[in-house]
Amino acid sequence: RMHSTHVSPSRRSLNHSAPGHESLVSARLEDSTVEQCCVALVLDEWYSVKTNLQLTRDYILAREEALAKLADVESLGPEWPTLVFRRPMSLLLQRYQKCRLGWLKRREMKLKARLESMAFGPKCLSGSAFVTFKRKEDRDILLNESLHCWNCRDYTFFSFGRPPFSSVTLHCRRAPAPGDIEWQNLHIRSFQRHLAIGLYTFLALLLMFVLVTPTALVGFCANLVGGSGSIMASLEKGLQGVPVLPQAAKERIVGIIQTWSQGLLGKALNQMPTLVLLLINSLIVPSVIEGICIMTRCNQKSTFEMHQKQLNYVFLLINTIAFPFLGVTTLSAAAERAPRGIQDFAH
């Protein structure tokens, strides 16, 4: 079922856009304003088989080169001291390489046969068509629909059909550059992409909350321990309100905190949360964002890059400001209620 149509500005870009003869089914219309109409096929499985076939051929070439080197016993290098050890080792490695090479060739034949069967077998339509007009004016008539300020969409509608048959409505937009199209993702619907990016972004936010909030709490505690005298005075005042602890224990706790704040441990604790947060934003966040964009299966490469940029900005803002502020606020509220809770528990 064709649910959208794209308008290509030139015939040459359309002809060079096809990754192979399996991708587009075209038809030329002589007596019409349309010069050519091409319907894209579902190519995700075709791309997967073709990629595996190319990788298998590369592995075969690598195995053949390794087998040719092992044919010469002297190529094993000086780590084998005598020819007595070189000969059996060379024969053993040759046997292993031949077994792997035979398995790879059998796999190549299976993938090649599967690719040919897919090329000449029945195919499914992706739901997208590429139309080339003979004149620019005809294309502009189809695309230049007046849009209102509340219509936030980049496409227009085109309906056709005669009574008593129901009309068919298509979404029309300008075709992107041929190199910008992800041909294997054209059959993925917009609703599926939006659902995928929303779900995986929510799961990634939960992961970042679990990783960033404890780091921010550790940094806040380190700053609290190594803070000013007013913080230490407020801590001593809070300990005075706990009648369960003896005075010697209170003084000992305050002394331990002061010792930690002045020693190397306090300085290390002050720097570690910042370094951990930097590692999270530099290593984990980009990998998570790339995984989200891959699972979304965008139909354009530029959309993939745009999602990466937007998600990177959102995650950096949340990891740097929102989650640390939320964790510190929660910890501050818990610290204010802790002495009162201990006192109530003692009574």
C-alpha atoms as a PDB file:
ATOM      1  CA  ARG A   1       0.000   0.000   0.000  1.00  0.00           C
ATOM      2  CA  MET A   2       1.487   3.305  -1.070  1.00  0.00           C
ATOM      3  CA  HIS A   3       1.096   5.846   1.703  1.00  0.00           C
ATOM      4  CA  SER A   4       3.400   8.635   0.514  1.00  0.00           C
ATOM      5  CA  THR A   5       4.925   9.973  -2.639  1.00  0.00           C
ATOM      6  CA  HIS A   6       8.070  12.012  -3.182  1.00  0.00           C
ATOM      7  CA  VAL A   7       8.678  14.431  -6.013  1.00  0.00           C
ATOM      8  CA  SER A   8      12.114  14.327  -7.584  1.00  0.00           C
ATOM      9  CA  PRO A   9      13.361  17.562  -9.155  1.00  0.00           C
ATOM     10  CA  SER A  10      15.381  15.864 -11.893  1.00  0.00           C
ATOM     11  CA  ARG A  11      15.406  12.623 -13.784  1.00  0.00           C
ATOM     12  CA  ARG A  12      19.150  12.188 -13.488  1.00  0.00           C
ATOM     13  CA  SER A  13      19.118  12.256  -9.695  1.00  0.00           C
ATOM     14  CA  LEU A  14      16.308   9.714  -9.739  1.00  0.00           C
ATOM     15  CA  ASN A  15      18.175   7.303 -11.981  1.00  0.00           C
ATOM     16  CA  HIS A  16      21.317   7.521  -9.854  1.00  0.00           C
ATOM     17  CA  SER A  17      19.394   7.118  -6.613  1.00  0.00           C
ATOM     18  CA  ALA A  18      18.732   3.416  -6.983  1.00  0.00           C
ATOM     19  CA  PRO A  19      21.250   1.208  -5.155  1.00  0.00           C
ATOM     20  CA  GLY A  20      20.508  -1.655  -7.558  1.00  0.00           C
ATOM     21  CA  HIS A  21      17.992  -3.004 -10.009  1.00  0.00           C
ATOM     22  CA  GLU A  22      16.159  -4.615  -7.095  1.00  0.00           C
ATOM     23  CA  SER A  23      15.305  -1.292  -5.474  1.00  0.00           C
ATOM     24  CA  LEU A  24      13.024   0.567  -7.901  1.00  0.00           C
ATOM     25  CA  VAL A  25      10.330  -0.463 -10.336  1.00  0.00           C
ATOM     26  CA  SER A  26       9.929   2.358 -12.866  1.00  0.00           C
ATOM     27  CA  ALA A  27       7.454   3.158 -15.596  1.00  0.00           C
ATOM     28  CA  ARG A  28       7.697   5.850 -18.274  1.00  0.00           C
ATOM     29  CA  LEU A  29       4.578   7.759 -19.181  1.00  0.00           C
ATOM     30  CA  GLU A  30       4.758   9.317 -22.647  1.00  0.00           C
ATOM     31  CA  ASP A  31       1.527  11.307 -22.932  1.00  0.00           C
ATOM     32  CA  SER A  32       1.457  12.800 -19.467  1.00  0.00           C
ATOM     33  CA  THR A  33       2.924  15.560 -17.336  1.00  0.00           C
ATOM     34  CA  VAL A  34       4.796  12.845 -15.447  1.00  0.00           C
ATOM     35  CA  GLU A  35       7.947  11.665 -17.169  1.00  0.00           C
ATOM     36  CA  GLN A  36       8.761   8.743 -14.907  1.00  0.00           C
ATOM     37  CA  CYS A  37       7.327   7.095 -11.806  1.00  0.00           C
ATOM     38  CA  CYS A  38       9.397   4.689  -9.706  1.00  0.00           C
ATOM     39  CA  VAL A  39       8.101   2.615  -6.817  1.00  0.00           C
ATOM     40  CA  ALA A  40      10.592   1.624  -4.112  1.00  0.00           C
ATOM     41  CA  LEU A  41      10.685  -1.955  -2.840  1.00  0.00           C
ATOM     42  CA  VAL A  42      11.304  -3.318   0.645  1.00  0.00           C
ATOM     43  CA  LEU A  43      15.065  -3.740   0.857  1.00  0.00           C
ATOM     44  CA  ASP A  44      15.976  -4.423   4.487  1.00  0.00           C
ATOM     45  CA  GLU A  45      16.423  -8.186   4.016  1.00  0.00           C
ATOM     46  CA  TRP A  46      18.099  -7.654   0.632  1.00  0.00           C
ATOM     47  CA  TYR A  47      20.625  -5.271   2.162  1.00  0.00           C
ATOM     48  CA  SER A  48      21.323  -7.697   5.002  1.00  0.00           C
ATOM     49  CA  VAL A  49      22.004 -10.611   2.641  1.00  0.00           C
ATOM     50  CA  LYS A  50      24.123  -8.447   0.345  1.00  0.00           C
ATOM     51  CA  THR A  51      26.210  -7.153   3.267  1.00  0.00           C
ATOM     52  CA  ASN A  52      26.791 -10.661   4.612  1.00  0.00           C
ATOM     53  CA  LEU A  53      27.794 -11.828   1.134  1.00  0.00           C
ATOM     54  CA  GLN A  54      30.354  -9.035   0.801  1.00  0.00           C
ATOM     55  CA  LEU A  55      31.782  -9.768   4.259  1.00  0.00           C
ATOM     56  CA  THR A  56      32.035 -13.466   3.424  1.00  0.00           C
ATOM     57  CA  ARG A  57      33.960 -12.688   0.246  1.00  0.00           C
ATOM     58  CA  ASP A  58      36.360 -10.475   2.192  1.00  0.00           C
ATOM     59  CA  TYR A  59      36.918 -13.273   4.713  1.00  0.00           C
ATOM     60  CA  ILE A  60      37.612 -15.708   1.865  1.00  0.00           C
ATOM     61  CA  LEU A  61      40.298 -13.424   0.441  1.00  0.00           C
ATOM     62  CA  ALA A  62      41.890 -13.063   3.868  1.00  0.00           C
ATOM     63  CA  ARG A  63      41.907 -16.848   4.422  1.00  0.00           C
ATOM     64  CA  GLU A  64      43.423 -17.460   0.997  1.00  0.00           C
ATOM     65  CA  GLU A  65      46.223 -14.987   1.709  1.00  0.00           C
ATOM     66  CA  ALA A  66      46.908 -16.614   5.077  1.00  0.00           C
ATOM     67  CA  LEU A  67      46.920 -20.064   3.462  1.00  0.00           C
ATOM     68  CA  ALA A  68      49.402 -18.901   0.824  1.00  0.00           C
ATOM     69  CA  LYS A  69      51.750 -17.624   3.524  1.00  0.00           C
ATOM     70  CA  LEU A  70      51.520 -20.864   5.474  1.00  0.00           C
ATOM     71  CA  ALA A  71      52.484 -22.833   2.366  1.00  0.00           C
ATOM     72  CA  ASP A  72      56.018 -21.572   2.926  1.00  0.00           C
ATOM     73  CA  VAL A  73      57.362 -23.087   6.137  1.00  0.00           C
ATOM     74  CA  GLU A  74      59.921 -20.345   6.534  1.00  0.00           C
ATOM     75  CA  SER A  75      57.189 -17.708   6.796  1.00  0.00           C
ATOM     76  CA  LEU A  76      56.396 -18.747  10.362  1.00  0.00           C
ATOM     77  CA  GLY A  77      59.222 -16.533  11.596  1.00  0.00           C
ATOM     78  CA  PRO A  78      62.085 -16.936  14.057  1.00  0.00           C
ATOM     79  CA  GLU A  79      59.838 -17.806  17.007  1.00  0.00           C
ATOM     80  CA  TRP A  80      59.964 -21.466  15.914  1.00  0.00           C
ATOM     81  CA  PRO A  81      63.562 -22.499  16.646  1.00  0.00           C
ATOM     82  CA  THR A  82      63.912 -25.590  14.496  1.00  0.00           C
ATOM     83  CA  LEU A  83      62.364 -27.005  11.333  1.00  0.00           C
ATOM     84  CA  VAL A  84      61.125 -29.991  13.334  1.00  0.00           C
ATOM     85  CA  PHE A  85      58.575 -27.774  15.082  1.00  0.00           C
ATOM     86  CA  ARG A  86      57.842 -25.590  12.053  1.00  0.00           C
ATOM     87  CA  ARG A  87      56.665 -28.400   9.796  1.00  0.00           C
ATOM     88  CA  PRO A  88      53.932 -29.892  12.076  1.00  0.00           C
ATOM     89  CA  MET A  89      52.752 -26.437  13.104  1.00  0.00           C
ATOM     90  CA  SER A  90      52.523 -25.326   9.481  1.00  0.00           C
ATOM     91  CA  LEU A  91      50.525 -28.415   8.510  1.00  0.00           C
ATOM     92  CA  LEU A  92      48.159 -27.929  11.454  1.00  0.00           C
ATOM     93  CA  LEU A  93      47.529 -24.275  10.622  1.00  0.00           C
ATOM     94  CA  GLN A  94      47.035 -25.106   6.939  1.00  0.00           C
ATOM     95  CA  ARG A  95      44.464 -27.726   7.872  1.00  0.00           C
ATOM     96  CA  TYR A  96      42.576 -25.219  10.009  1.00  0.00           C
ATOM     97  CA  GLN A  97      42.659 -22.532   7.316  1.00  0.00           C
ATOM     98  CA  LYS A  98      41.397 -24.989   4.671  1.00  0.00           C
ATOM     99  CA  CYS A  99      38.469 -26.001   6.886  1.00  0.00           C
ATOM    100  CA  ARG A 100      37.518 -22.376   7.481  1.00  0.00           C
ATOM    101  CA  LEU A 101      37.941 -21.580   3.794  1.00  0.00           C
ATOM    102  CA  GLY A 102      35.669 -24.444   2.768  1.00  0.00           C
ATOM    103  CA  TRP A 103      32.983 -23.324   5.226  1.00  0.00           C
ATOM    104  CA  LEU A 104      33.193 -19.741   3.960  1.00  0.00           C
ATOM    105  CA  LYS A 105      32.864 -20.836   0.320  1.00  0.00           C
ATOM    106  CA  ARG A 106      29.785 -22.907   1.126  1.00  0.00           C
ATOM    107  CA  ARG A 107      28.304 -19.917   2.924  1.00  0.00           C
ATOM    108  CA  GLU A 108      29.090 -17.705  -0.070  1.00  0.00           C
ATOM    109  CA  MET A 109      27.214 -20.057  -2.386  1.00  0.00           C
ATOM    110  CA  LYS A 110      24.165 -20.105  -0.098  1.00  0.00           C
ATOM    111  CA  LEU A 111      24.085 -16.315   0.246  1.00  0.00           C
ATOM    112  CA  LYS A 112      24.544 -15.840  -3.492  1.00  0.00           C
ATOM    113  CA  ALA A 113      21.685 -18.235  -4.250  1.00  0.00           C
ATOM    114  CA  ARG A 114      19.481 -16.488  -1.700  1.00  0.00           C
ATOM    115  CA  LEU A 115      20.295 -13.081  -3.181  1.00  0.00           C
ATOM    116  CA  GLU A 116      19.418 -14.287  -6.683  1.00  0.00           C
ATOM    117  CA  SER A 117      16.153 -15.795  -5.481  1.00  0.00           C
ATOM    118  CA  MET A 118      15.247 -12.497  -3.826  1.00  0.00           C
ATOM    119  CA  ALA A 119      16.152 -10.567  -6.988  1.00  0.00           C
ATOM    120  CA  PHE A 120      13.934 -12.680  -9.268  1.00  0.00           C
ATOM    121  CA  GLY A 121      11.271 -13.652  -6.743  1.00  0.00           C
ATOM    122  CA  PRO A 122       8.167 -11.795  -5.519  1.00  0.00           C
ATOM    123  CA  LYS A 123       8.758  -8.452  -3.828  1.00  0.00           C
ATOM    124  CA  CYS A 124       6.904  -6.134  -1.477  1.00  0.00           C
ATOM    125  CA  LEU A 125       6.376  -2.421  -1.987  1.00  0.00           C
ATOM    126  CA  SER A 126       7.762  -0.042   0.604  1.00  0.00           C
ATOM    127  CA  GLY A 127       4.905   2.435   0.224  1.00  0.00           C
ATOM    128  CA  SER A 128       7.026   5.223  -1.293  1.00  0.00           C
ATOM    129  CA  ALA A 129       7.094   6.364  -4.910  1.00  0.00           C
ATOM    130  CA  PHE A 130       9.414   8.802  -6.700  1.00  0.00           C
ATOM    131  CA  VAL A 131       7.832  10.893  -9.454  1.00  0.00           C
ATOM    132  CA  THR A 132       9.721  12.921 -12.074  1.00  0.00           C
ATOM    133  CA  PHE A 133       7.764  15.685 -13.791  1.00  0.00           C
ATOM    134  CA  LYS A 134       8.502  16.989 -17.265  1.00  0.00           C
ATOM    135  CA  ARG A 135       8.025  20.594 -16.269  1.00  0.00           C
ATOM    136  CA  LYS A 136       8.940  22.435 -13.127  1.00  0.00           C
ATOM    137  CA  GLU A 137       5.589  24.244 -13.102  1.00  0.00           C
ATOM    138  CA  ASP A 138       3.663  20.984 -12.730  1.00  0.00           C
ATOM    139  CA  ARG A 139       5.808  19.996  -9.797  1.00  0.00           C
ATOM    140  CA  ASP A 140       5.290  23.372  -8.118  1.00  0.00           C
ATOM    141  CA  ILE A 141       1.515  23.127  -8.503  1.00  0.00           C
ATOM    142  CA  LEU A 142       1.540  19.868  -6.570  1.00  0.00           C
ATOM    143  CA  LEU A 143       3.892  21.095  -3.847  1.00  0.00           C
ATOM    144  CA  ASN A 144       2.920  24.753  -3.390  1.00  0.00           C
ATOM    145  CA  GLU A 145      -0.182  24.208  -1.310  1.00  0.00           C
ATOM    146  CA  SER A 146      -0.943  27.090   1.033  1.00  0.00           C
ATOM    147  CA  LEU A 147      -0.253  25.993   4.596  1.00  0.00           C
ATOM    148  CA  HIS A 148      -1.672  27.630   7.690  1.00  0.00           C
ATOM    149  CA  CYS A 149       0.392  28.571  10.708  1.00  0.00           C
ATOM    150  CA  TRP A 150      -1.026  25.696  12.752  1.00  0.00           C
ATOM    151  CA  ASN A 151      -0.156  23.054  10.131  1.00  0.00           C
ATOM    152  CA  CYS A 152       3.342  21.960  11.166  1.00  0.00           C
ATOM    153  CA  ARG A 153       3.940  19.504   8.335  1.00  0.00           C
ATOM    154  CA  ASP A 154       6.337  19.322   5.423  1.00  0.00           C
ATOM    155  CA  TYR A 155       4.022  17.600   2.952  1.00  0.00           C
ATOM    156  CA  THR A 156       0.890  18.298   0.943  1.00  0.00           C
ATOM    157  CA  PHE A 157      -2.036  16.058   0.044  1.00  0.00           C
ATOM    158  CA  PHE A 158      -2.903  14.662  -3.369  1.00  0.00           C
ATOM    159  CA  SER A 159      -6.197  12.816  -3.838  1.00  0.00           C
ATOM    160  CA  PHE A 160      -7.424  10.980  -6.905  1.00  0.00           C
ATOM    161  CA  GLY A 161     -10.236   8.591  -7.751  1.00  0.00           C
ATOM    162  CA  ARG A 162     -13.637   8.637  -9.418  1.00  0.00           C
ATOM    163  CA  PRO A 163     -17.025   7.767  -7.943  1.00  0.00           C
ATOM    164  CA  PRO A 164     -18.238   5.253  -7.000  1.00  0.00           C
ATOM    165  CA  PHE A 165     -14.670   4.336  -6.065  1.00  0.00           C
ATOM    166  CA  SER A 166     -13.220   5.914  -2.975  1.00  0.00           C
ATOM    167  CA  SER A 167     -10.486   8.478  -3.469  1.00  0.00           C
ATOM    168  CA  VAL A 168      -6.890   7.722  -2.574  1.00  0.00           C
ATOM    169  CA  THR A 169      -4.957  10.380  -0.666  1.00  0.00           C
ATOM    170  CA  LEU A 170      -1.169  10.536  -0.830  1.00  0.00           C
ATOM    171  CA  HIS A 171       1.367  12.597   1.082  1.00  0.00           C
ATOM    172  CA  CYS A 172       3.553  14.579  -1.340  1.00  0.00           C
ATOM    173  CA  ARG A 173       6.895  16.137  -0.459  1.00  0.00           C
ATOM    174  CA  ARG A 174      10.055  17.118  -2.268  1.00  0.00           C
ATOM    175  CA  ALA A 175      12.385  14.155  -2.714  1.00  0.00           C
ATOM    176  CA  PRO A 176      15.621  14.269  -0.702  1.00  0.00           C
ATOM    177  CA  ALA A 177      19.045  13.829  -2.243  1.00  0.00           C
ATOM    178  CA  PRO A 178      19.639  10.270  -3.510  1.00  0.00           C
ATOM    179  CA  GLY A 179      22.626   9.768  -1.225  1.00  0.00           C
ATOM    180  CA  ASP A 180      20.581  10.882   1.780  1.00  0.00           C
ATOM    181  CA  ILE A 181      17.972   8.118   1.503  1.00  0.00           C
ATOM    182  CA  GLU A 182      18.118   4.970   3.620  1.00  0.00           C
ATOM    183  CA  TRP A 183      16.531   2.633   1.096  1.00  0.00           C
ATOM    184  CA  GLN A 184      16.206  -0.277   3.515  1.00  0.00           C
ATOM    185  CA  ASN A 185      14.088   1.840   5.912  1.00  0.00           C
ATOM    186  CA  LEU A 186      11.534   3.290   3.500  1.00  0.00           C
ATOM    187  CA  HIS A 187       8.848   0.835   4.569  1.00  0.00           C
ATOM    188  CA  ILE A 188       9.048   1.857   8.247  1.00  0.00           C
ATOM    189  CA  ARG A 189       6.059   4.000   9.137  1.00  0.00           C
ATOM    190  CA  SER A 190       6.331   7.359  10.849  1.00  0.00           C
ATOM    191  CA  PHE A 191       4.308   6.131  13.829  1.00  0.00           C
ATOM    192  CA  GLN A 192       6.722   3.249  14.379  1.00  0.00           C
ATOM    193  CA  ARG A 193       9.726   5.587  14.274  1.00  0.00           C
ATOM    194  CA  HIS A 194       8.174   8.053  16.724  1.00  0.00           C
ATOM    195  CA  LEU A 195       7.185   5.241  19.075  1.00  0.00           C
ATOM    196  CA  ALA A 196      10.671   3.732  18.942  1.00  0.00           C
ATOM    197  CA  ILE A 197      12.519   6.981  19.587  1.00  0.00           C
ATOM    198  CA  GLY A 198      10.146   7.885  22.444  1.00  0.00           C
ATOM    199  CA  LEU A 199      10.416   4.491  24.142  1.00  0.00           C
ATOM    200  CA  TYR A 200      14.190   4.146  23.836  1.00  0.00           C
ATOM    201  CA  THR A 201      14.747   7.754  24.914  1.00  0.00           C
ATOM    202  CA  PHE A 202      12.678   7.136  28.048  1.00  0.00           C
ATOM    203  CA  LEU A 203      14.705   4.014  28.864  1.00  0.00           C
ATOM    204  CA  ALA A 204      17.929   5.954  28.273  1.00  0.00           C
ATOM    205  CA  LEU A 205      16.745   8.690  30.636  1.00  0.00           C
ATOM    206  CA  LEU A 206      16.153   6.087  33.338  1.00  0.00           C
ATOM    207  CA  LEU A 207      19.659   4.725  32.773  1.00  0.00           C
ATOM    208  CA  MET A 208      21.191   8.210  32.982  1.00  0.00           C
ATOM    209  CA  PHE A 209      19.223   8.900  36.167  1.00  0.00           C
ATOM    210  CA  VAL A 210      20.623   5.757  37.776  1.00  0.00           C
ATOM    211  CA  LEU A 211      24.179   6.653  36.738  1.00  0.00           C
ATOM    212  CA  VAL A 212      24.253  10.431  37.207  1.00  0.00           C
ATOM    213  CA  THR A 213      22.246  10.920  40.415  1.00  0.00           C
ATOM    214  CA  PRO A 214      24.556   8.855  42.700  1.00  0.00           C
ATOM    215  CA  THR A 215      27.536  10.639  41.162  1.00  0.00           C
ATOM    216  CA  ALA A 216      26.003  14.024  41.937  1.00  0.00           C
ATOM    217  CA  LEU A 217      25.193  12.911  45.484  1.00  0.00           C
ATOM    218  CA  VAL A 218      28.781  11.819  46.060  1.00  0.00           C
ATOM    219  CA  GLY A 219      30.009  15.183  44.820  1.00  0.00           C
ATOM    220  CA  PHE A 220      27.562  17.008  47.079  1.00  0.00           C
ATOM    221  CA  CYS A 221      28.633  14.954  50.070  1.00  0.00           C
ATOM    222  CA  ALA A 222      32.283  15.627  49.261  1.00  0.00           C
ATOM    223  CA  ASN A 223      31.614  19.360  49.124  1.00  0.00           C
ATOM    224  CA  LEU A 224      29.655  19.105  52.349  1.00  0.00           C
ATOM    225  CA  VAL A 225      32.507  17.308  54.067  1.00  0.00           C
ATOM    226  CA  GLY A 226      35.112  19.729  52.799  1.00  0.00           C
ATOM    227  CA  GLY A 227      32.940  22.811  53.202  1.00  0.00           C
ATOM    228  CA  SER A 228      33.188  25.937  55.273  1.00  0.00           C
ATOM    229  CA  GLY A 229      32.981  26.358  59.015  1.00  0.00           C
ATOM    230  CA  SER A 230      29.307  27.256  58.865  1.00  0.00           C
ATOM    231  CA  ILE A 231      28.502  23.836  57.422  1.00  0.00           C
ATOM    232  CA  MET A 232      30.562  22.154  60.112  1.00  0.00           C
ATOM    233  CA  ALA A 233      28.828  24.309  62.733  1.00  0.00           C
ATOM    234  CA  SER A 234      25.416  23.311  61.417  1.00  0.00           C
ATOM    235  CA  LEU A 235      26.520  19.676  61.492  1.00  0.00           C
ATOM    236  CA  GLU A 236      27.625  19.996  65.099  1.00  0.00           C
ATOM    237  CA  LYS A 237      24.324  21.687  65.945  1.00  0.00           C
ATOM    238  CA  GLY A 238      22.448  18.828  64.308  1.00  0.00           C
ATOM    239  CA  LEU A 239      24.428  16.271  66.295  1.00  0.00           C
ATOM    240  CA  GLN A 240      23.683  18.132  69.506  1.00  0.00           C
ATOM    241  CA  GLY A 241      19.979  17.566  68.886  1.00  0.00           C
ATOM    242  CA  VAL A 242      20.443  13.774  69.034  1.00  0.00           C
ATOM    243  CA  PRO A 243      20.366  12.807  72.742  1.00  0.00           C
ATOM    244  CA  VAL A 244      21.031   9.145  72.010  1.00  0.00           C
ATOM    245  CA  LEU A 245      24.674   9.725  71.092  1.00  0.00           C
ATOM    246  CA  PRO A 246      27.092  10.485  73.918  1.00  0.00           C
ATOM    247  CA  GLN A 247      29.168  13.637  73.794  1.00  0.00           C
ATOM    248  CA  ALA A 248      32.381  11.707  73.169  1.00  0.00           C
ATOM    249  CA  ALA A 249      30.874   9.985  70.124  1.00  0.00           C
ATOM    250  CA  LYS A 250      29.658  13.312  68.733  1.00  0.00           C
ATOM    251  CA  GLU A 251      33.111  14.862  69.113  1.00  0.00           C
ATOM    252  CA  ARG A 252      34.694  11.825  67.510  1.00  0.00           C
ATOM    253  CA  ILE A 253      32.353  12.002  64.497  1.00  0.00           C
ATOM    254  CA  VAL A 254      33.085  15.693  64.014  1.00  0.00           C
ATOM    255  CA  GLY A 255      36.825  15.028  64.307  1.00  0.00           C
ATOM    256  CA  ILE A 256      36.708  12.257  61.697  1.00  0.00           C
ATOM    257  CA  ILE A 257      34.814  14.513  59.281  1.00  0.00           C
ATOM    258  CA  GLN A 258      37.322  17.315  59.766  1.00  0.00           C
ATOM    259  CA  THR A 259      40.226  14.909  59.240  1.00  0.00           C
ATOM    260  CA  TRP A 260      38.753  13.607  56.003  1.00  0.00           C
ATOM    261  CA  SER A 261      38.061  17.095  54.711  1.00  0.00           C
ATOM    262  CA  GLN A 262      41.664  18.187  55.259  1.00  0.00           C
ATOM    263  CA  GLY A 263      43.362  15.030  53.946  1.00  0.00           C
ATOM    264  CA  LEU A 264      43.956  13.521  50.535  1.00  0.00           C
ATOM    265  CA  LEU A 265      40.700  11.571  50.654  1.00  0.00           C
ATOM    266  CA  GLY A 266      38.636  14.734  50.755  1.00  0.00           C
ATOM    267  CA  LYS A 267      40.441  16.187  47.745  1.00  0.00           C
ATOM    268  CA  ALA A 268      40.016  12.948  45.805  1.00  0.00           C
ATOM    269  CA  LEU A 269      36.311  12.831  46.614  1.00  0.00           C
ATOM    270  CA  ASN A 270      35.943  16.409  45.445  1.00  0.00           C
ATOM    271  CA  GLN A 271      37.372  15.545  42.000  1.00  0.00           C
ATOM    272  CA  MET A 272      36.045  12.031  41.399  1.00  0.00           C
ATOM    273  CA  PRO A 273      32.359  12.922  40.771  1.00  0.00           C
ATOM    274  CA  THR A 274      33.361  15.470  38.139  1.00  0.00           C
ATOM    275  CA  LEU A 275      35.586  12.945  36.374  1.00  0.00           C
ATOM    276  CA  VAL A 276      32.905  10.246  36.498  1.00  0.00           C
ATOM    277  CA  LEU A 277      30.307  12.647  35.082  1.00  0.00           C
ATOM    278  CA  LEU A 278      32.749  13.619  32.336  1.00  0.00           C
ATOM    279  CA  LEU A 279      33.284   9.958  31.435  1.00  0.00           C
ATOM    280  CA  ILE A 280      29.525   9.346  31.358  1.00  0.00           C
ATOM    281  CA  ASN A 281      28.933  12.296  29.022  1.00  0.00           C
ATOM    282  CA  SER A 282      31.921  11.426  26.818  1.00  0.00           C
ATOM    283  CA  LEU A 283      31.620   7.633  26.497  1.00  0.00           C
ATOM    284  CA  ILE A 284      28.235   6.312  27.600  1.00  0.00           C
ATOM    285  CA  VAL A 285      25.946   9.073  26.315  1.00  0.00           C
ATOM    286  CA  PRO A 286      27.212   9.032  22.664  1.00  0.00           C
ATOM    287  CA  SER A 287      26.949   5.239  22.510  1.00  0.00           C
ATOM    288  CA  VAL A 288      23.427   5.268  23.931  1.00  0.00           C
ATOM    289  CA  ILE A 289      22.333   8.010  21.525  1.00  0.00           C
ATOM    290  CA  GLU A 290      23.764   6.159  18.531  1.00  0.00           C
ATOM    291  CA  GLY A 291      21.930   3.006  19.591  1.00  0.00           C
ATOM    292  CA  ILE A 292      18.660   4.947  19.893  1.00  0.00           C
ATOM    293  CA  CYS A 293      19.058   6.405  16.393  1.00  0.00           C
ATOM    294  CA  ILE A 294      19.896   2.994  14.917  1.00  0.00           C
ATOM    295  CA  MET A 295      16.838   1.383  16.514  1.00  0.00           C
ATOM    296  CA  THR A 296      14.651   4.235  15.247  1.00  0.00           C
ATOM    297  CA  ARG A 297      15.508   3.287  11.616  1.00  0.00           C
ATOM    298  CA  CYS A 298      15.254   6.736  10.042  1.00  0.00           C
ATOM    299  CA  ASN A 299      14.547   6.915   6.317  1.00  0.00           C
ATOM    300  CA  GLN A 300      17.126   9.682   5.807  1.00  0.00           C
ATOM    301  CA  LYS A 301      20.743   9.997   6.906  1.00  0.00           C
ATOM    302  CA  SER A 302      20.280  13.677   7.671  1.00  0.00           C
ATOM    303  CA  THR A 303      17.418  12.794  10.027  1.00  0.00           C
ATOM    304  CA  PHE A 304      19.709  10.311  11.772  1.00  0.00           C
ATOM    305  CA  GLU A 305      22.321  13.034  12.318  1.00  0.00           C
ATOM    306  CA  MET A 306      19.693  15.559  13.428  1.00  0.00           C
ATOM    307  CA  HIS A 307      18.346  13.132  16.040  1.00  0.00           C
ATOM    308  CA  GLN A 308      21.884  12.544  17.283  1.00  0.00           C
ATOM    309  CA  LYS A 309      22.496  16.271  17.701  1.00  0.00           C
ATOM    310  CA  GLN A 310      19.183  16.928  19.458  1.00  0.00           C
ATOM    311  CA  LEU A 311      19.464  13.961  21.812  1.00  0.00           C
ATOM    312  CA  ASN A 312      23.056  14.859  22.617  1.00  0.00           C
ATOM    313  CA  TYR A 313      21.993  18.372  23.611  1.00  0.00           C
ATOM    314  CA  VAL A 314      19.079  17.089  25.715  1.00  0.00           C
ATOM    315  CA  PHE A 315      21.113  14.447  27.548  1.00  0.00           C
ATOM    316  CA  LEU A 316      24.001  16.805  28.279  1.00  0.00           C
ATOM    317  CA  LEU A 317      21.585  19.384  29.682  1.00  0.00           C
ATOM    318  CA  ILE A 318      19.775  16.830  31.828  1.00  0.00           C
ATOM    319  CA  ASN A 319      22.945  15.094  33.063  1.00  0.00           C
ATOM    320  CA  THR A 320      24.646  18.373  33.928  1.00  0.00           C
ATOM    321  CA  ILE A 321      21.765  20.327  35.500  1.00  0.00           C
ATOM    322  CA  ALA A 322      18.498  18.443  36.005  1.00  0.00           C
ATOM    323  CA  PHE A 323      19.556  15.133  37.562  1.00  0.00           C
ATOM    324  CA  PRO A 324      22.250  16.622  39.884  1.00  0.00           C
ATOM    325  CA  PHE A 325      19.815  19.302  41.075  1.00  0.00           C
ATOM    326  CA  LEU A 326      17.105  16.711  41.700  1.00  0.00           C
ATOM    327  CA  GLY A 327      19.470  14.442  43.631  1.00  0.00           C
ATOM    328  CA  VAL A 328      20.964  17.234  45.746  1.00  0.00           C
ATOM    329  CA  THR A 329      17.533  18.653  46.569  1.00  0.00           C
ATOM    330  CA  THR A 330      16.318  15.246  47.692  1.00  0.00           C
ATOM    331  CA  LEU A 331      19.440  14.679  49.793  1.00  0.00           C
ATOM    332  CA  SER A 332      19.163  18.112  51.420  1.00  0.00           C
ATOM    333  CA  ALA A 333      15.551  17.451  52.394  1.00  0.00           C
ATOM    334  CA  ALA A 334      16.510  14.041  53.784  1.00  0.00           C
ATOM    335  CA  ALA A 335      19.415  15.543  55.753  1.00  0.00           C
ATOM    336  CA  GLU A 336      17.132  18.134  57.343  1.00  0.00           C
ATOM    337  CA  ARG A 337      14.648  15.488  58.467  1.00  0.00           C
ATOM    338  CA  ALA A 338      17.204  12.906  59.600  1.00  0.00           C
ATOM    339  CA  PRO A 339      17.973  14.331  63.117  1.00  0.00           C
ATOM    340  CA  ARG A 340      14.271  14.781  63.837  1.00  0.00           C
ATOM    341  CA  GLY A 341      13.580  11.220  62.720  1.00  0.00           C
ATOM    342  CA  ILE A 342      16.376   9.848  64.884  1.00  0.00           C
ATOM    343  CA  GLN A 343      15.111  11.827  67.874  1.00  0.00           C
ATOM    344  CA  ASP A 344      11.547  10.591  67.375  1.00  0.00           C
ATOM    345  CA  PHE A 345      12.825   7.040  67.068  1.00  0.00           C
ATOM    346  CA  ALA A 346      14.780   7.408  70.317  1.00  0.00           C
ATOM    347  CA  HIS A 347      11.695   8.613  72.210  1.00  0.00           C
END
